[in-house]
């Protein structure tokens, strides 16, 4: 009797049960993971070996796809100025990643990754704050009196 991949089942369950804020965080973490993998394609001399160009391109393209998913998830009607600013950032990231995929500019990739990490941290705080706010006060408090 085969049970498939338990890690894949865990990931599927995590996505299906996550709040909207947590899903956004998971997308940012995916971008971080892909960009970090792209950076690892460079050798010790800061050059991109010919044998790693295809892998590098795949990781950068996957990061762009995730950023595009973040773009389409924006609610421009309800999000107001924040949604507009995020849209501008996502367009900028994808444009810069396109340039990186052509130029193999490691430093530019590091700069974009730093910005993504900052946004991810902000979303983690926002997601945890809204999740905590959605739990009734009675459930948040520890009742030691029984």
C-alpha atoms as a PDB file:
ATOM      1  CA  UNK A   1       0.000   0.000   0.000  1.00  0.00           C
ATOM      2  CA  UNK A   2       1.613   3.294  -1.132  1.00  0.00           C
ATOM      3  CA  UNK A   3       1.039   6.548   0.725  1.00  0.00           C
ATOM      4  CA  UNK A   4       2.350   9.149  -1.717  1.00  0.00           C
ATOM      5  CA  UNK A   5       4.541  12.011  -0.566  1.00  0.00           C
ATOM      6  CA  UNK A   6       3.693  13.021   3.019  1.00  0.00           C
ATOM      7  CA  UNK A   7       5.559  16.345   2.666  1.00  0.00           C
ATOM      8  CA  UNK A   8       3.452  17.278  -0.378  1.00  0.00           C
ATOM      9  CA  UNK A   9       0.299  16.357   1.541  1.00  0.00           C
ATOM     10  CA  UNK A  10       1.456  18.539   4.445  1.00  0.00           C
ATOM     11  CA  UNK A  11       2.133  21.466   2.097  1.00  0.00           C
ATOM     12  CA  UNK A  12      -1.264  21.095   0.442  1.00  0.00           C
ATOM     13  CA  UNK A  13      -3.001  21.081   3.812  1.00  0.00           C
ATOM     14  CA  UNK A  14      -0.973  24.091   4.980  1.00  0.00           C
ATOM     15  CA  UNK A  15      -2.045  26.092   1.926  1.00  0.00           C
ATOM     16  CA  UNK A  16      -5.701  25.050   2.120  1.00  0.00           C
ATOM     17  CA  UNK A  17      -6.002  25.966   5.797  1.00  0.00           C
ATOM     18  CA  UNK A  18      -3.933  29.170   5.783  1.00  0.00           C
ATOM     19  CA  UNK A  19      -5.428  32.617   6.270  1.00  0.00           C
ATOM     20  CA  UNK A  20      -5.129  35.166   3.463  1.00  0.00           C
ATOM     21  CA  UNK A  21      -2.290  36.916   5.279  1.00  0.00           C
ATOM     22  CA  UNK A  22      -0.421  33.658   5.765  1.00  0.00           C
ATOM     23  CA  UNK A  23      -0.858  32.818   2.069  1.00  0.00           C
ATOM     24  CA  UNK A  24       0.770  36.129   1.131  1.00  0.00           C
ATOM     25  CA  UNK A  25       3.638  35.352   3.516  1.00  0.00           C
ATOM     26  CA  UNK A  26       4.015  31.917   1.920  1.00  0.00           C
ATOM     27  CA  UNK A  27       4.246  33.530  -1.514  1.00  0.00           C
ATOM     28  CA  UNK A  28       6.937  35.932  -0.314  1.00  0.00           C
ATOM     29  CA  UNK A  29       8.820  33.006   1.212  1.00  0.00           C
ATOM     30  CA  UNK A  30       8.616  31.264  -2.161  1.00  0.00           C
ATOM     31  CA  UNK A  31      10.132  34.311  -3.874  1.00  0.00           C
ATOM     32  CA  UNK A  32      12.904  34.382  -1.255  1.00  0.00           C
ATOM     33  CA  UNK A  33      13.597  30.680  -1.751  1.00  0.00           C
ATOM     34  CA  UNK A  34      13.829  31.004  -5.550  1.00  0.00           C
ATOM     35  CA  UNK A  35      16.008  34.111  -5.446  1.00  0.00           C
ATOM     36  CA  UNK A  36      18.327  32.504  -2.881  1.00  0.00           C
ATOM     37  CA  UNK A  37      18.614  29.435  -5.119  1.00  0.00           C
ATOM     38  CA  UNK A  38      19.455  31.732  -8.057  1.00  0.00           C
ATOM     39  CA  UNK A  39      22.206  33.368  -5.993  1.00  0.00           C
ATOM     40  CA  UNK A  40      23.647  29.942  -5.193  1.00  0.00           C
ATOM     41  CA  UNK A  41      24.185  29.357  -8.911  1.00  0.00           C
ATOM     42  CA  UNK A  42      27.097  31.806  -8.852  1.00  0.00           C
ATOM     43  CA  UNK A  43      30.570  30.377  -8.236  1.00  0.00           C
ATOM     44  CA  UNK A  44      33.195  31.558  -5.751  1.00  0.00           C
ATOM     45  CA  UNK A  45      34.492  34.092  -8.320  1.00  0.00           C
ATOM     46  CA  UNK A  46      31.025  35.740  -8.426  1.00  0.00           C
ATOM     47  CA  UNK A  47      30.552  34.441 -11.982  1.00  0.00           C
ATOM     48  CA  UNK A  48      27.675  32.421 -13.352  1.00  0.00           C
ATOM     49  CA  UNK A  49      29.124  29.235 -14.862  1.00  0.00           C
ATOM     50  CA  UNK A  50      27.715  28.143 -18.202  1.00  0.00           C
ATOM     51  CA  UNK A  51      26.492  24.926 -16.602  1.00  0.00           C
ATOM     52  CA  UNK A  52      24.309  26.919 -14.160  1.00  0.00           C
ATOM     53  CA  UNK A  53      22.727  29.413 -16.560  1.00  0.00           C
ATOM     54  CA  UNK A  54      19.631  27.281 -17.143  1.00  0.00           C
ATOM     55  CA  UNK A  55      19.081  26.685 -13.407  1.00  0.00           C
ATOM     56  CA  UNK A  56      19.611  30.381 -12.715  1.00  0.00           C
ATOM     57  CA  UNK A  57      17.029  31.304 -15.345  1.00  0.00           C
ATOM     58  CA  UNK A  58      14.501  28.829 -13.948  1.00  0.00           C
ATOM     59  CA  UNK A  59      14.831  30.211 -10.422  1.00  0.00           C
ATOM     60  CA  UNK A  60      14.522  33.823 -11.562  1.00  0.00           C
ATOM     61  CA  UNK A  61      11.519  32.962 -13.745  1.00  0.00           C
ATOM     62  CA  UNK A  62       9.825  31.126 -10.861  1.00  0.00           C
ATOM     63  CA  UNK A  63      10.375  34.186  -8.631  1.00  0.00           C
ATOM     64  CA  UNK A  64       8.773  36.353 -11.329  1.00  0.00           C
ATOM     65  CA  UNK A  65       5.799  33.988 -11.560  1.00  0.00           C
ATOM     66  CA  UNK A  66       5.234  34.192  -7.805  1.00  0.00           C
ATOM     67  CA  UNK A  67       5.487  37.983  -7.878  1.00  0.00           C
ATOM     68  CA  UNK A  68       2.935  37.990 -10.706  1.00  0.00           C
ATOM     69  CA  UNK A  69       0.652  35.899  -8.494  1.00  0.00           C
ATOM     70  CA  UNK A  70       1.050  38.531  -5.764  1.00  0.00           C
ATOM     71  CA  UNK A  71       0.116  41.186  -8.331  1.00  0.00           C
ATOM     72  CA  UNK A  72      -3.103  39.504  -9.408  1.00  0.00           C
ATOM     73  CA  UNK A  73      -4.095  38.908  -5.789  1.00  0.00           C
ATOM     74  CA  UNK A  74      -4.187  42.642  -5.055  1.00  0.00           C
ATOM     75  CA  UNK A  75      -7.641  44.111  -4.540  1.00  0.00           C
ATOM     76  CA  UNK A  76      -7.160  47.513  -6.130  1.00  0.00           C
ATOM     77  CA  UNK A  77     -10.674  48.669  -5.146  1.00  0.00           C
ATOM     78  CA  UNK A  78     -10.399  47.915  -1.441  1.00  0.00           C
ATOM     79  CA  UNK A  79      -6.620  48.235  -1.080  1.00  0.00           C
ATOM     80  CA  UNK A  80      -6.382  51.927  -1.907  1.00  0.00           C
ATOM     81  CA  UNK A  81      -2.954  53.524  -1.795  1.00  0.00           C
ATOM     82  CA  UNK A  82      -1.302  50.459  -0.242  1.00  0.00           C
ATOM     83  CA  UNK A  83      -2.450  48.248  -3.120  1.00  0.00           C
ATOM     84  CA  UNK A  84      -1.245  50.844  -5.636  1.00  0.00           C
ATOM     85  CA  UNK A  85       2.159  51.017  -3.946  1.00  0.00           C
ATOM     86  CA  UNK A  86       2.456  47.232  -3.828  1.00  0.00           C
ATOM     87  CA  UNK A  87       1.504  47.019  -7.506  1.00  0.00           C
ATOM     88  CA  UNK A  88       4.249  49.514  -8.348  1.00  0.00           C
ATOM     89  CA  UNK A  89       6.750  47.467  -6.349  1.00  0.00           C
ATOM     90  CA  UNK A  90       5.707  44.205  -8.003  1.00  0.00           C
ATOM     91  CA  UNK A  91       6.026  45.745 -11.477  1.00  0.00           C
ATOM     92  CA  UNK A  92       9.457  47.082 -10.487  1.00  0.00           C
ATOM     93  CA  UNK A  93      10.564  43.678  -9.122  1.00  0.00           C
ATOM     94  CA  UNK A  94       9.511  41.827 -12.253  1.00  0.00           C
ATOM     95  CA  UNK A  95      11.191  44.397 -14.505  1.00  0.00           C
ATOM     96  CA  UNK A  96      14.411  44.195 -12.525  1.00  0.00           C
ATOM     97  CA  UNK A  97      14.303  40.395 -12.418  1.00  0.00           C
ATOM     98  CA  UNK A  98      13.898  40.360 -16.194  1.00  0.00           C
ATOM     99  CA  UNK A  99      17.040  42.497 -16.430  1.00  0.00           C
ATOM    100  CA  UNK A 100      18.831  40.206 -13.955  1.00  0.00           C
ATOM    101  CA  UNK A 101      17.943  37.129 -15.975  1.00  0.00           C
ATOM    102  CA  UNK A 102      19.602  38.728 -19.009  1.00  0.00           C
ATOM    103  CA  UNK A 103      22.567  40.461 -17.347  1.00  0.00           C
ATOM    104  CA  UNK A 104      23.226  37.894 -14.567  1.00  0.00           C
ATOM    105  CA  UNK A 105      23.765  40.829 -12.188  1.00  0.00           C
ATOM    106  CA  UNK A 106      24.275  39.225  -8.787  1.00  0.00           C
ATOM    107  CA  UNK A 107      24.330  42.526  -6.890  1.00  0.00           C
ATOM    108  CA  UNK A 108      21.001  43.660  -8.321  1.00  0.00           C
ATOM    109  CA  UNK A 109      19.537  40.275  -7.381  1.00  0.00           C
ATOM    110  CA  UNK A 110      20.791  40.736  -3.804  1.00  0.00           C
ATOM    111  CA  UNK A 111      19.193  44.193  -3.608  1.00  0.00           C
ATOM    112  CA  UNK A 112      15.824  42.895  -4.797  1.00  0.00           C
ATOM    113  CA  UNK A 113      16.058  39.951  -2.393  1.00  0.00           C
ATOM    114  CA  UNK A 114      16.689  42.381   0.482  1.00  0.00           C
ATOM    115  CA  UNK A 115      13.567  44.330  -0.428  1.00  0.00           C
ATOM    116  CA  UNK A 116      11.521  41.129  -0.693  1.00  0.00           C
ATOM    117  CA  UNK A 117      12.742  40.048   2.760  1.00  0.00           C
ATOM    118  CA  UNK A 118      11.667  43.382   4.253  1.00  0.00           C
ATOM    119  CA  UNK A 119       8.210  43.091   2.719  1.00  0.00           C
ATOM    120  CA  UNK A 120       7.933  39.490   3.904  1.00  0.00           C
ATOM    121  CA  UNK A 121       8.765  40.545   7.463  1.00  0.00           C
ATOM    122  CA  UNK A 122       6.121  43.265   7.332  1.00  0.00           C
ATOM    123  CA  UNK A 123       3.530  40.784   6.044  1.00  0.00           C
ATOM    124  CA  UNK A 124       4.463  38.284   8.760  1.00  0.00           C
ATOM    125  CA  UNK A 125       3.750  40.931  11.410  1.00  0.00           C
ATOM    126  CA  UNK A 126       0.515  41.971   9.706  1.00  0.00           C
ATOM    127  CA  UNK A 127      -0.661  38.379   9.303  1.00  0.00           C
ATOM    128  CA  UNK A 128       0.097  37.479  12.916  1.00  0.00           C
ATOM    129  CA  UNK A 129      -1.558  40.678  14.182  1.00  0.00           C
ATOM    130  CA  UNK A 130      -4.754  40.141  12.212  1.00  0.00           C
ATOM    131  CA  UNK A 131      -4.815  36.468  13.185  1.00  0.00           C
ATOM    132  CA  UNK A 132      -4.446  37.369  16.872  1.00  0.00           C
ATOM    133  CA  UNK A 133      -7.124  40.058  16.533  1.00  0.00           C
ATOM    134  CA  UNK A 134      -9.572  37.548  15.052  1.00  0.00           C
ATOM    135  CA  UNK A 135      -9.310  35.286  18.117  1.00  0.00           C
ATOM    136  CA  UNK A 136     -11.787  36.341  20.813  1.00  0.00           C
ATOM    137  CA  UNK A 137     -10.190  37.790  23.953  1.00  0.00           C
ATOM    138  CA  UNK A 138     -11.589  34.947  26.060  1.00  0.00           C
ATOM    139  CA  UNK A 139      -9.708  32.385  23.954  1.00  0.00           C
ATOM    140  CA  UNK A 140      -6.431  34.362  23.975  1.00  0.00           C
ATOM    141  CA  UNK A 141      -6.186  34.545  27.743  1.00  0.00           C
ATOM    142  CA  UNK A 142      -4.891  31.619  29.718  1.00  0.00           C
ATOM    143  CA  UNK A 143      -7.369  30.609  32.366  1.00  0.00           C
ATOM    144  CA  UNK A 144      -5.489  29.011  35.273  1.00  0.00           C
ATOM    145  CA  UNK A 145      -8.415  29.119  37.683  1.00  0.00           C
ATOM    146  CA  UNK A 146     -10.198  26.238  35.977  1.00  0.00           C
END
